[in-house]
């Protein structure tokens, strides 16, 4: 180890460990599902938690995503066995083949999705904040 590195290491104060706040804890829940989960996947899931029974188009509008992006996120959150699912196929969303029109699909949470929703709700109810 060079002297410069030793000096820099010694001069840098150790940061105290900080607790996770609710947002970080919720992100860790998602990361625990799959480390490659995207922000769009998380947003899509959370909007569906608040609006179960919506169509793909309605969810895209609510989440502020274009229909193609919303569709990809929904497919990533679907069960691995679904013929149209995409990796990581988390099994959190179920797509039902009925709605206002023949091509309309209605979305709802699977039991696994409801469990993740409940875990995140419990974190929110706890309301842990990081104090400076």
Protein backbone atom coordinates (compact mmCIF):
# COMPACT_ATOMS: atom_id res chain seq x y z
CA UNK A 1 0.00 0.00 0.00
CA UNK A 2 1.41 3.41 -0.89
CA UNK A 3 1.74 6.23 1.60
CA UNK A 4 -0.83 8.30 -0.32
CA UNK A 5 -3.45 5.61 -0.02
CA UNK A 6 -2.72 5.18 3.69
CA UNK A 7 -3.06 8.92 4.29
CA UNK A 8 -6.35 9.12 2.38
CA UNK A 9 -7.72 6.10 4.21
CA UNK A 10 -6.75 7.47 7.61
CA UNK A 11 -8.04 10.97 6.85
CA UNK A 12 -11.48 9.83 5.71
CA UNK A 13 -13.79 9.70 8.74
CA UNK A 14 -15.92 6.61 9.11
CA UNK A 15 -19.55 7.35 8.36
CA UNK A 16 -22.03 6.21 10.99
CA UNK A 17 -24.38 3.51 9.82
CA UNK A 18 -27.80 4.87 8.94
CA UNK A 19 -31.08 3.08 9.19
CA UNK A 20 -33.19 2.57 6.11
CA UNK A 21 -36.15 4.83 5.63
CA UNK A 22 -39.45 3.55 4.24
CA UNK A 23 -38.54 4.24 0.62
CA UNK A 24 -35.22 2.41 0.85
CA UNK A 25 -36.84 -0.48 2.69
CA UNK A 26 -39.49 -0.76 -0.04
CA UNK A 27 -36.81 -0.71 -2.73
CA UNK A 28 -35.03 -3.51 -0.88
CA UNK A 29 -38.25 -5.55 -0.99
CA UNK A 30 -38.29 -5.16 -4.78
CA UNK A 31 -34.56 -5.87 -5.09
CA UNK A 32 -35.12 -9.02 -3.05
CA UNK A 33 -37.49 -10.22 -5.77
CA UNK A 34 -34.95 -9.71 -8.54
CA UNK A 35 -31.87 -7.50 -8.59
CA UNK A 36 -32.64 -6.53 -12.18
CA UNK A 37 -36.13 -5.15 -11.48
CA UNK A 38 -36.63 -1.85 -13.25
CA UNK A 39 -38.13 1.40 -12.04
CA UNK A 40 -40.92 0.97 -14.60
CA UNK A 41 -41.69 -2.49 -13.17
CA UNK A 42 -41.90 -1.05 -9.66
CA UNK A 43 -44.06 1.88 -10.74
CA UNK A 44 -46.38 -0.40 -12.71
CA UNK A 45 -46.75 -2.74 -9.74
CA UNK A 46 -47.42 0.09 -7.27
CA UNK A 47 -50.04 1.71 -9.50
CA UNK A 48 -51.78 -1.64 -9.88
CA UNK A 49 -51.75 -2.03 -6.09
CA UNK A 50 -53.73 1.20 -5.88
CA UNK A 51 -56.02 0.42 -8.84
CA UNK A 52 -56.69 -3.31 -9.08
CA UNK A 53 -59.02 -4.27 -11.90
CA UNK A 54 -57.82 -1.64 -14.38
CA UNK A 55 -57.04 -2.39 -18.00
CA UNK A 56 -53.56 -2.32 -19.49
CA UNK A 57 -54.36 1.00 -21.20
CA UNK A 58 -55.69 2.55 -17.98
CA UNK A 59 -52.63 1.39 -16.06
CA UNK A 60 -50.32 2.88 -18.69
CA UNK A 61 -52.12 6.23 -18.35
CA UNK A 62 -52.06 6.14 -14.53
CA UNK A 63 -48.36 5.26 -14.43
CA UNK A 64 -47.42 7.85 -17.07
CA UNK A 65 -45.98 5.18 -19.36
CA UNK A 66 -46.56 4.64 -23.05
CA UNK A 67 -48.62 1.50 -23.76
CA UNK A 68 -45.62 -0.50 -25.05
CA UNK A 69 -43.56 0.22 -21.93
CA UNK A 70 -46.49 -0.57 -19.66
CA UNK A 71 -47.08 -3.81 -21.52
CA UNK A 72 -43.44 -4.87 -21.13
CA UNK A 73 -43.57 -4.09 -17.41
CA UNK A 74 -46.80 -6.04 -16.97
CA UNK A 75 -45.32 -8.98 -18.85
CA UNK A 76 -42.22 -8.86 -16.60
CA UNK A 77 -44.43 -8.92 -13.52
CA UNK A 78 -46.52 -11.85 -14.78
CA UNK A 79 -46.09 -15.49 -13.83
CA UNK A 80 -43.25 -17.45 -15.40
CA UNK A 81 -45.68 -19.93 -16.97
CA UNK A 82 -47.72 -17.32 -18.83
CA UNK A 83 -47.18 -17.67 -22.58
CA UNK A 84 -46.58 -13.93 -22.99
CA UNK A 85 -44.45 -13.29 -19.90
CA UNK A 86 -40.99 -11.75 -20.08
CA UNK A 87 -38.06 -12.16 -17.69
CA UNK A 88 -37.84 -11.76 -14.77
CA UNK A 89 -41.43 -13.14 -14.71
CA UNK A 90 -42.01 -12.30 -11.06
CA UNK A 91 -45.52 -13.73 -10.77
CA UNK A 92 -46.99 -10.61 -9.13
CA UNK A 93 -49.64 -9.68 -11.71
CA UNK A 94 -52.40 -11.70 -13.32
CA UNK A 95 -53.88 -10.68 -16.66
CA UNK A 96 -57.51 -11.63 -17.14
CA UNK A 97 -58.92 -11.87 -20.64
CA UNK A 98 -62.05 -9.86 -20.13
CA UNK A 99 -62.84 -6.19 -20.12
CA UNK A 100 -64.82 -3.50 -21.86
CA UNK A 101 -63.82 -4.67 -25.33
CA UNK A 102 -62.89 -8.03 -26.84
CA UNK A 103 -59.16 -7.17 -26.74
CA UNK A 104 -59.26 -5.53 -23.32
CA UNK A 105 -57.31 -7.16 -20.50
CA UNK A 106 -58.02 -6.61 -16.82
CA UNK A 107 -55.17 -6.69 -14.31
CA UNK A 108 -55.07 -7.85 -10.72
CA UNK A 109 -52.51 -8.97 -8.19
CA UNK A 110 -51.68 -12.62 -7.69
CA UNK A 111 -51.43 -13.91 -4.11
CA UNK A 112 -47.65 -13.31 -4.33
CA UNK A 113 -48.32 -9.75 -5.52
CA UNK A 114 -50.77 -9.16 -2.66
CA UNK A 115 -48.13 -10.38 -0.20
CA UNK A 116 -45.56 -7.90 -1.56
CA UNK A 117 -48.20 -5.14 -1.46
CA UNK A 118 -48.93 -6.00 2.18
CA UNK A 119 -45.21 -5.97 3.07
CA UNK A 120 -44.79 -2.53 1.53
CA UNK A 121 -47.98 -1.26 3.24
CA UNK A 122 -46.59 -2.48 6.58
CA UNK A 123 -43.39 -0.52 5.94
CA UNK A 124 -45.39 2.61 5.15
CA UNK A 125 -47.51 2.22 8.28
CA UNK A 126 -44.34 1.94 10.36
CA UNK A 127 -43.19 5.26 8.92
CA UNK A 128 -39.51 5.02 9.79
CA UNK A 129 -37.64 8.13 8.74
CA UNK A 130 -33.91 8.75 8.68
CA UNK A 131 -33.12 11.61 11.02
CA UNK A 132 -30.15 13.79 10.15
